[in-house]
N, C-alpha and C. Protein backbone atom coordinates (compact mmCIF):
# COMPACT_ATOMS: atom_id res chain seq x y z
N UNK A 1 17.13 7.16 10.61
CA UNK A 1 16.98 7.33 9.33
C UNK A 1 16.92 8.52 8.34
N UNK A 2 17.54 8.79 7.58
CA UNK A 2 18.15 9.55 6.51
C UNK A 2 16.88 10.50 6.08
N UNK A 3 17.06 11.56 5.64
CA UNK A 3 15.49 12.19 4.92
C UNK A 3 15.31 11.34 4.03
N UNK A 4 13.53 11.28 3.81
CA UNK A 4 12.91 10.65 3.05
C UNK A 4 12.46 11.50 2.10
N UNK A 5 12.59 11.31 0.60
CA UNK A 5 12.12 11.89 -0.42
C UNK A 5 10.77 11.14 -0.93
N UNK A 6 9.68 11.78 -0.98
CA UNK A 6 8.53 11.11 -1.90
C UNK A 6 8.56 11.64 -3.44
N UNK A 7 8.67 10.60 -4.43
CA UNK A 7 8.90 11.26 -5.83
C UNK A 7 7.85 9.98 -6.76
N UNK A 8 7.41 10.42 -7.59
CA UNK A 8 6.87 9.74 -8.66
C UNK A 8 7.55 8.30 -8.96
N UNK A 9 6.91 7.32 -9.23
CA UNK A 9 7.61 5.91 -9.80
C UNK A 9 8.21 6.39 -11.17
N UNK A 10 9.23 5.57 -11.61
CA UNK A 10 9.11 5.68 -13.01
C UNK A 10 9.17 4.24 -13.56
N UNK A 11 9.15 3.64 -14.75
CA UNK A 11 9.39 2.06 -15.01
C UNK A 11 10.52 1.57 -14.54
N UNK A 12 11.56 2.18 -14.52
CA UNK A 12 12.77 1.49 -14.07
C UNK A 12 12.87 1.08 -12.46
N UNK A 13 11.71 2.03 -12.03
CA UNK A 13 11.57 1.34 -10.54
C UNK A 13 10.87 0.26 -10.05
N UNK A 14 10.04 -0.55 -11.27
CA UNK A 14 9.40 -1.54 -11.06
C UNK A 14 9.84 -2.93 -10.01
N UNK A 15 11.19 -2.83 -10.57
CA UNK A 15 12.07 -4.13 -9.61
C UNK A 15 11.97 -3.71 -8.30
N UNK A 16 12.39 -2.64 -7.97
CA UNK A 16 12.72 -2.30 -6.61
C UNK A 16 11.34 -2.03 -5.96
N UNK A 17 10.44 -1.78 -6.84
CA UNK A 17 8.83 -1.78 -5.96
C UNK A 17 8.41 -3.27 -5.71
N UNK A 18 8.64 -4.17 -6.42
CA UNK A 18 8.41 -5.63 -6.26
C UNK A 18 8.98 -5.86 -5.16
N UNK A 19 10.34 -5.69 -5.37
CA UNK A 19 10.80 -5.78 -3.86
C UNK A 19 10.61 -5.58 -2.53
N UNK A 20 10.20 -4.38 -2.66
CA UNK A 20 9.63 -3.76 -1.67
C UNK A 20 8.35 -4.13 -1.03
N UNK A 21 7.35 -4.59 -2.07
CA UNK A 21 6.02 -5.22 -1.81
C UNK A 21 6.38 -6.64 -0.83
N UNK A 22 7.09 -7.59 -1.52
CA UNK A 22 7.87 -8.75 -1.19
C UNK A 22 8.29 -8.57 0.27
N UNK A 23 9.11 -7.75 0.44
CA UNK A 23 9.77 -7.42 1.85
C UNK A 23 8.67 -7.07 2.94
N UNK A 24 7.74 -6.17 2.27
CA UNK A 24 7.06 -5.70 3.20
C UNK A 24 6.15 -6.74 3.81
N UNK A 25 5.51 -7.61 3.00
CA UNK A 25 4.59 -8.56 3.05
C UNK A 25 5.29 -9.91 4.24
N UNK A 26 6.58 -10.18 3.51
CA UNK A 26 7.00 -11.43 4.15
C UNK A 26 7.89 -10.95 5.68
N UNK A 27 7.90 -9.18 5.77
CA UNK A 27 8.63 -9.35 7.24
C UNK A 27 7.30 -8.66 8.14
N UNK A 28 6.58 -8.05 8.00
CA UNK A 28 5.56 -7.24 9.05
C UNK A 28 4.17 -8.10 9.04
N UNK A 29 3.95 -8.88 7.85
CA UNK A 29 2.67 -9.27 8.11
C UNK A 29 2.35 -11.03 8.67
N UNK A 30 3.49 -11.55 8.96
CA UNK A 30 3.55 -12.92 9.44
C UNK A 30 3.04 -13.49 10.75
N UNK A 31 2.66 -12.08 11.80
CA UNK A 31 2.23 -12.41 12.76
C UNK A 31 0.61 -12.47 12.49
N UNK A 32 -0.13 -12.04 11.71
CA UNK A 32 -1.63 -11.82 11.09
C UNK A 32 -1.53 -13.01 10.57
N UNK A 33 -0.97 -13.59 9.42
CA UNK A 33 -1.12 -14.23 8.04
C UNK A 33 -0.06 -15.56 8.25
N UNK A 34 -0.54 -16.68 7.93
CA UNK A 34 0.33 -17.75 7.91
C UNK A 34 0.84 -17.84 6.26
N UNK A 35 1.86 -18.84 6.47
CA UNK A 35 2.89 -19.02 5.58
C UNK A 35 1.98 -19.20 4.14
N UNK A 36 0.97 -19.86 4.08
CA UNK A 36 0.40 -20.27 2.97
C UNK A 36 -0.38 -19.28 2.61
N UNK A 37 -0.90 -18.05 3.17
CA UNK A 37 -1.62 -16.92 3.08
C UNK A 37 -0.57 -16.07 2.47
N UNK A 38 0.55 -15.77 2.95
CA UNK A 38 1.78 -15.18 2.38
C UNK A 38 2.08 -15.42 0.93
N UNK A 39 2.30 -16.59 0.76
CA UNK A 39 2.57 -17.37 -0.38
C UNK A 39 1.43 -17.16 -1.59
N UNK A 40 0.21 -17.23 -1.37
CA UNK A 40 -0.84 -16.77 -1.93
C UNK A 40 -0.63 -15.20 -2.62
N UNK A 41 -0.48 -14.40 -1.57
CA UNK A 41 -0.47 -12.69 -1.65
C UNK A 41 0.35 -12.28 -2.66
N UNK A 42 1.66 -12.83 -2.57
CA UNK A 42 2.66 -12.95 -3.33
C UNK A 42 2.77 -13.58 -4.53
N UNK A 43 1.89 -14.89 -4.86
CA UNK A 43 1.84 -15.54 -5.95
C UNK A 43 1.61 -14.73 -7.35
N UNK A 44 2.28 -15.09 -8.49
CA UNK A 44 1.95 -14.19 -9.52
C UNK A 44 2.62 -13.16 -9.74
N UNK A 45 3.05 -12.24 -8.87
CA UNK A 45 3.24 -11.04 -8.63
C UNK A 45 4.89 -10.69 -9.25
N UNK A 46 5.09 -9.97 -10.21
CA UNK A 46 6.24 -9.41 -10.59
C UNK A 46 6.37 -8.01 -10.84
N UNK A 47 7.49 -7.58 -11.55
CA UNK A 47 7.86 -5.99 -11.64
C UNK A 47 6.66 -5.57 -12.74
N UNK A 48 6.29 -6.40 -13.53
CA UNK A 48 5.10 -6.13 -14.61
C UNK A 48 3.91 -5.75 -13.78
N UNK A 49 3.67 -6.28 -12.56
CA UNK A 49 2.55 -6.27 -11.99
C UNK A 49 2.08 -4.56 -11.44
N UNK A 50 3.31 -3.68 -11.82
CA UNK A 50 3.04 -2.13 -11.27
C UNK A 50 3.27 -1.42 -12.63
N UNK A 51 3.59 -2.02 -13.51
CA UNK A 51 3.73 -1.27 -14.89
C UNK A 51 2.57 -0.26 -15.15
N UNK A 52 1.45 -0.56 -15.17
CA UNK A 52 -0.09 0.38 -15.49
C UNK A 52 -0.07 1.39 -14.82
N UNK A 53 0.19 0.89 -13.38
CA UNK A 53 -0.01 2.43 -12.34
C UNK A 53 0.88 3.17 -12.61
N UNK A 54 2.29 2.81 -12.76
CA UNK A 54 3.37 3.49 -12.58
C UNK A 54 3.10 4.32 -14.04
N UNK A 55 2.88 4.03 -15.27
CA UNK A 55 2.37 4.68 -16.56
C UNK A 55 1.53 5.85 -16.33
N UNK A 56 0.50 5.30 -15.45
CA UNK A 56 -0.77 6.12 -15.28
C UNK A 56 -0.56 7.32 -14.01
N UNK A 57 0.94 7.38 -14.03
CA UNK A 57 1.13 8.36 -12.62
C UNK A 57 0.39 8.06 -11.48
N UNK A 58 0.41 7.01 -10.92
CA UNK A 58 -0.55 6.56 -9.84
C UNK A 58 0.46 5.76 -8.64
N UNK A 59 1.72 5.84 -8.86
CA UNK A 59 2.45 5.32 -7.96
C UNK A 59 3.62 6.34 -7.42
N UNK A 60 3.81 6.41 -6.08
CA UNK A 60 4.87 7.04 -5.51
C UNK A 60 5.74 6.52 -4.53
N UNK A 61 7.03 6.72 -4.55
CA UNK A 61 7.97 6.19 -3.79
C UNK A 61 8.53 6.82 -2.42
N UNK A 62 8.72 6.19 -1.43
CA UNK A 62 9.53 6.92 -0.30
C UNK A 62 10.87 6.59 -0.49
N UNK A 63 11.57 7.33 -0.66
CA UNK A 63 13.26 6.87 -1.15
C UNK A 63 14.32 7.83 -0.24
N UNK A 64 15.40 7.02 0.55
CA UNK A 64 16.52 7.64 0.83
C UNK A 64 17.76 6.91 0.22
N UNK A 65 18.06 5.67 1.10
CA UNK A 65 19.30 5.03 0.38
C UNK A 65 19.08 4.12 -0.72
N UNK A 66 17.52 3.83 -0.43
CA UNK A 66 16.82 2.88 -1.36
C UNK A 66 15.51 3.31 -1.37
N UNK A 67 14.54 2.52 -2.07
CA UNK A 67 12.91 2.54 -1.83
C UNK A 67 13.01 2.19 -0.48
N UNK A 68 11.97 2.82 0.37
CA UNK A 68 11.73 2.17 1.68
C UNK A 68 10.20 1.77 1.73
N UNK A 69 9.42 2.14 0.68
CA UNK A 69 8.10 2.17 0.46
C UNK A 69 7.31 2.80 -0.57
N UNK A 70 6.11 2.30 -0.71
CA UNK A 70 5.54 2.65 -2.14
C UNK A 70 3.91 2.70 -1.76
N UNK A 71 3.26 3.95 -2.53
CA UNK A 71 1.82 3.94 -2.48
C UNK A 71 1.29 4.00 -3.95
N UNK A 72 0.28 3.40 -4.09
CA UNK A 72 -0.39 3.22 -5.25
C UNK A 72 -1.91 3.73 -5.27
N UNK A 73 -2.39 4.54 -5.83
CA UNK A 73 -3.79 5.23 -5.95
C UNK A 73 -4.54 4.75 -7.33
N UNK A 74 -6.00 4.33 -6.60
CA UNK A 74 -6.53 3.97 -8.25
C UNK A 74 -8.22 4.64 -7.85
N UNK A 75 -8.36 5.93 -8.65
CA UNK A 75 -9.51 6.55 -8.36
C UNK A 75 -9.59 7.00 -6.85
N UNK A 76 -10.61 6.62 -6.07
CA UNK A 76 -10.57 6.98 -4.85
C UNK A 76 -10.00 6.27 -3.75
N UNK A 77 -9.29 5.14 -4.20
CA UNK A 77 -8.96 4.15 -3.53
C UNK A 77 -7.24 4.22 -3.29
N UNK A 78 -6.82 4.20 -1.98
CA UNK A 78 -5.26 3.65 -1.75
C UNK A 78 -5.15 2.53 -1.95
N UNK A 79 -5.12 1.88 -3.32
CA UNK A 79 -4.79 0.50 -3.48
C UNK A 79 -3.74 -0.41 -3.01
N UNK A 80 -2.55 0.14 -2.82
CA UNK A 80 -1.37 -0.55 -2.20
C UNK A 80 -0.77 0.70 -1.25
N UNK A 81 0.09 -0.01 -0.22
CA UNK A 81 0.77 1.06 0.78
C UNK A 81 1.60 0.16 1.22
N UNK A 82 3.01 -0.30 0.94
CA UNK A 82 3.62 -1.37 1.59
C UNK A 82 4.98 -0.52 1.86
N UNK A 83 5.64 -0.78 3.20
CA UNK A 83 6.79 -0.45 3.72
C UNK A 83 8.21 -1.46 3.69
N UNK A 84 9.02 -1.33 3.54
CA UNK A 84 10.01 -2.32 3.85
C UNK A 84 9.88 -2.61 5.27
N UNK A 85 10.22 -3.84 5.82
CA UNK A 85 10.16 -4.05 7.20
C UNK A 85 11.21 -3.24 7.81
N UNK A 86 12.34 -2.90 7.20
CA UNK A 86 13.44 -2.13 7.82
C UNK A 86 13.09 -0.64 8.37
N UNK A 87 12.12 -0.26 7.31
CA UNK A 87 11.55 1.15 7.26
C UNK A 87 10.06 1.35 8.07
N UNK A 88 9.56 0.50 8.81
CA UNK A 88 8.33 0.19 9.52
C UNK A 88 8.41 1.14 10.80
N UNK A 89 7.30 1.80 11.01
CA UNK A 89 7.46 2.42 12.28
C UNK A 89 8.11 3.68 12.37
N UNK A 90 8.41 4.28 11.22
CA UNK A 90 9.14 5.61 11.03
C UNK A 90 8.55 6.61 10.34
N UNK A 91 7.46 6.81 10.31
CA UNK A 91 6.71 7.81 9.62
C UNK A 91 6.71 7.74 8.23
N UNK A 92 7.15 6.70 7.22
CA UNK A 92 7.49 6.71 6.12
C UNK A 92 5.68 6.45 5.63
N UNK A 93 5.00 5.23 6.10
CA UNK A 93 3.77 5.06 5.73
C UNK A 93 2.84 6.39 5.60
N UNK A 94 3.01 7.03 6.89
CA UNK A 94 1.95 8.23 7.20
C UNK A 94 2.44 9.27 5.79
N UNK A 95 3.70 9.66 5.51
CA UNK A 95 4.35 10.40 4.64
C UNK A 95 3.52 9.86 3.00
N UNK A 96 3.63 8.42 2.69
CA UNK A 96 3.13 8.13 1.44
C UNK A 96 1.67 8.20 1.71
N UNK A 97 0.80 7.86 2.72
CA UNK A 97 -0.53 7.99 2.49
C UNK A 97 -1.15 9.46 2.32
N UNK A 98 -0.23 10.56 3.11
CA UNK A 98 -0.72 11.93 2.85
C UNK A 98 -0.26 12.18 1.15
N UNK A 99 0.76 11.95 0.76
CA UNK A 99 0.56 11.73 -0.74
C UNK A 99 -0.47 11.37 -1.23
N UNK A 100 -1.06 10.11 -0.85
CA UNK A 100 -2.05 9.41 -1.67
C UNK A 100 -3.38 10.13 -1.66
N UNK A 101 -3.54 10.63 -0.17
CA UNK A 101 -4.74 11.47 0.20
C UNK A 101 -4.91 12.75 -0.70
N UNK A 102 -3.74 13.47 -1.02
CA UNK A 102 -3.79 14.58 -1.73
C UNK A 102 -3.66 14.47 -2.72
N UNK A 103 -3.37 13.39 -3.46
CA UNK A 103 -3.63 12.90 -5.03
C UNK A 103 -5.40 12.80 -5.27
N UNK A 104 -5.85 11.98 -4.19
CA UNK A 104 -7.37 11.77 -4.28
C UNK A 104 -8.30 13.24 -4.21
N UNK A 105 -7.83 13.78 -3.33
CA UNK A 105 -8.72 15.14 -2.91
C UNK A 105 -8.48 15.56 -4.06
N UNK A 106 -7.33 15.99 -4.47
CA UNK A 106 -6.95 16.78 -5.79
C UNK A 106 -7.57 16.42 -7.17
N UNK A 107 -8.14 15.06 -7.47
CA UNK A 107 -8.86 14.32 -8.14
C UNK A 107 -10.37 14.72 -8.24
N UNK A 108 -10.82 15.30 -6.90
CA UNK A 108 -12.13 15.98 -6.58
C UNK A 108 -13.14 14.85 -6.15
N UNK A 109 -12.31 13.66 -5.38
CA UNK A 109 -12.86 12.93 -4.50
C UNK A 109 -13.15 13.35 -3.09
N UNK A 110 -14.13 13.12 -2.59
CA UNK A 110 -14.67 13.45 -0.95
C UNK A 110 -14.25 12.49 -0.30
N UNK A 111 -14.26 11.46 -0.38
CA UNK A 111 -13.62 10.33 0.29
C UNK A 111 -12.64 9.56 -0.09
N UNK A 112 -11.85 8.70 0.62
CA UNK A 112 -10.56 7.93 0.09
C UNK A 112 -11.33 6.52 0.83
N UNK A 113 -10.73 5.81 0.06
CA UNK A 113 -11.52 4.01 0.42
C UNK A 113 -10.43 3.37 0.21
N UNK A 114 -9.82 2.22 1.11
CA UNK A 114 -8.87 0.98 1.09
C UNK A 114 -9.35 0.22 1.77
N UNK A 115 -8.58 -1.15 1.49
CA UNK A 115 -8.93 -2.50 2.14
C UNK A 115 -7.61 -2.74 2.89
N UNK A 116 -7.65 -2.31 4.14
CA UNK A 116 -6.67 -3.02 5.17
C UNK A 116 -6.16 -4.35 5.37
N UNK A 117 -5.25 -4.63 5.65
CA UNK A 117 -4.45 -5.85 6.16
C UNK A 117 -5.19 -5.97 7.57
N UNK A 118 -4.88 -6.88 8.25
CA UNK A 118 -5.09 -7.04 9.76
C UNK A 118 -3.95 -6.43 10.12
N UNK A 119 -2.95 -6.54 9.59
CA UNK A 119 -1.74 -5.81 10.14
C UNK A 119 -1.63 -4.19 10.37
N UNK A 120 -2.27 -3.59 9.15
CA UNK A 120 -2.35 -2.39 8.59
C UNK A 120 -3.69 -1.48 9.68
N UNK A 121 -4.64 -2.49 9.90
CA UNK A 121 -5.93 -1.83 10.37
C UNK A 121 -5.52 -0.77 11.30
N UNK A 122 -4.67 -0.99 12.50
CA UNK A 122 -4.59 0.29 13.25
C UNK A 122 -4.01 1.58 13.01
N UNK A 123 -2.79 1.12 12.17
CA UNK A 123 -2.16 2.38 11.48
C UNK A 123 -3.51 3.20 10.77
N UNK A 124 -4.01 2.69 9.60
CA UNK A 124 -5.33 3.30 9.36
C UNK A 124 -6.12 4.21 10.36
N UNK A 125 -6.33 3.47 11.39
CA UNK A 125 -7.34 4.22 12.30
C UNK A 125 -6.83 5.47 13.03
N UNK A 126 -5.60 5.12 13.21
CA UNK A 126 -4.98 6.17 13.92
C UNK A 126 -4.93 7.54 12.94
N UNK A 127 -4.82 7.54 11.64
CA UNK A 127 -4.92 8.41 10.71
C UNK A 127 -6.47 8.87 9.99
N UNK A 128 -7.55 8.45 10.79
CA UNK A 128 -8.79 8.94 10.34
C UNK A 128 -9.48 8.09 9.69
N UNK A 129 -9.23 6.61 9.52
CA UNK A 129 -10.06 5.73 8.57
C UNK A 129 -10.61 5.09 9.52
N UNK A 130 -11.85 5.02 9.10
CA UNK A 130 -13.06 4.12 10.03
C UNK A 130 -13.42 2.69 9.22
N UNK A 131 -13.58 1.67 10.01
CA UNK A 131 -13.92 0.09 9.55
C UNK A 131 -15.44 0.46 8.84
N UNK A 132 -15.47 0.12 7.75
CA UNK A 132 -16.84 0.01 7.11
C UNK A 132 -17.59 -1.61 6.69
N UNK A 133 -16.69 -2.30 7.16
CA UNK A 133 -16.79 -3.62 6.47
C UNK A 133 -15.49 -4.59 6.52
N UNK A 134 -15.47 -5.71 6.59
CA UNK A 134 -14.59 -7.00 6.41
C UNK A 134 -14.85 -7.49 5.10
N UNK A 135 -13.94 -8.29 4.51
CA UNK A 135 -13.72 -9.08 3.45
C UNK A 135 -12.72 -10.10 3.17
N UNK A 136 -12.58 -10.40 1.91
CA UNK A 136 -11.28 -11.30 1.72
C UNK A 136 -10.49 -10.90 0.63
N UNK A 137 -9.43 -11.42 0.35
CA UNK A 137 -8.65 -11.21 -0.67
C UNK A 137 -8.12 -12.55 -1.03
N UNK A 138 -7.93 -13.18 -2.51
CA UNK A 138 -7.17 -14.12 -2.82
C UNK A 138 -6.82 -13.66 -4.27
N UNK A 139 -5.77 -14.44 -4.78
CA UNK A 139 -5.10 -14.35 -6.32
C UNK A 139 -5.45 -15.44 -6.94
N UNK A 140 -6.17 -15.26 -8.23
CA UNK A 140 -6.30 -16.11 -9.19
C UNK A 140 -7.44 -17.03 -8.45
N UNK A 141 -7.26 -18.28 -8.58
CA UNK A 141 -8.25 -19.20 -8.62
C UNK A 141 -7.88 -20.16 -7.01
N UNK A 142 -6.86 -19.12 -6.48
CA UNK A 142 -6.70 -19.99 -5.03
C UNK A 142 -7.32 -20.06 -4.04
N UNK A 143 -7.55 -21.21 -3.58
CA UNK A 143 -8.61 -21.63 -2.44
C UNK A 143 -8.02 -20.64 -1.06
N UNK A 144 -7.01 -20.28 -1.01
CA UNK A 144 -6.52 -19.44 0.13
C UNK A 144 -6.79 -18.28 0.23
N UNK A 145 -7.13 -17.58 0.94
CA UNK A 145 -7.51 -16.17 1.24
C UNK A 145 -6.92 -15.73 2.37
N UNK A 146 -6.91 -13.97 2.44
CA UNK A 146 -6.74 -13.43 3.58
C UNK A 146 -7.91 -12.15 3.83
N UNK A 147 -7.82 -12.08 5.21
CA UNK A 147 -9.13 -11.41 5.92
C UNK A 147 -8.25 -9.91 5.35
N UNK A 148 -9.39 -8.95 5.16
CA UNK A 148 -9.05 -7.60 4.79
C UNK A 148 -10.33 -6.95 5.94
N UNK A 149 -10.09 -5.49 5.86
CA UNK A 149 -10.92 -4.71 6.58
C UNK A 149 -11.13 -3.48 5.59
N UNK A 150 -12.28 -3.19 5.19
CA UNK A 150 -12.68 -2.23 4.77
C UNK A 150 -12.81 -1.03 5.24
N UNK A 151 -12.14 0.16 4.72
CA UNK A 151 -12.19 1.14 5.71
C UNK A 151 -12.22 2.50 4.41
N UNK A 152 -12.86 3.72 5.22
CA UNK A 152 -12.92 4.59 4.48
C UNK A 152 -12.92 6.18 5.48
N UNK A 153 -12.32 7.13 4.75
CA UNK A 153 -12.23 8.25 5.45
C UNK A 153 -12.49 9.45 4.55
N UNK A 154 -13.22 10.57 5.21
CA UNK A 154 -13.80 11.71 4.37
C UNK A 154 -12.51 12.74 4.34
N UNK A 155 -12.45 13.38 3.29
CA UNK A 155 -11.51 14.04 2.77
C UNK A 155 -11.99 15.67 2.67
N UNK A 156 -11.28 16.61 3.46
CA UNK A 156 -11.62 17.94 3.64
C UNK A 156 -11.09 18.80 2.25
N UNK A 157 -11.72 19.49 1.80
CA UNK A 157 -11.31 20.33 0.64
C UNK A 157 -10.28 21.08 0.99
N UNK A 158 -9.25 21.61 -0.01
CA UNK A 158 -8.06 22.14 0.56
C UNK A 158 -8.16 23.49 -0.37
């Protein structure tokens, strides 16, 4: 893969962020979640879903020929980190996570929190996160939910 650049997202990126999120879930999570769970996960999402976080300066992209992944931070939480299926296992997720952790650290937080999918739990463990609980995620009033792993990592001051 050619050189990947990490940059802040702009509102013009919203459609590509949405497509990256959809591609990631549909291509990487099918071993851990059913078609019904994946449909619920993506239901109601649109490019507008990311607008507030983009305007707030809380979304970064990994880009080379196109957007390969994105990360979103909310306070001390890594609230979203998704990589296109074609970009998986190439270090892009690690680069995005490092950017997110730096932002969280720079904001004065001593710990980072996230809710990992079953698909991503091992990835986060390898990068220093530890399991602190379990839960479920659902959208709207859907009776369908997905299992998640609540994880945390201390941050060293820089």
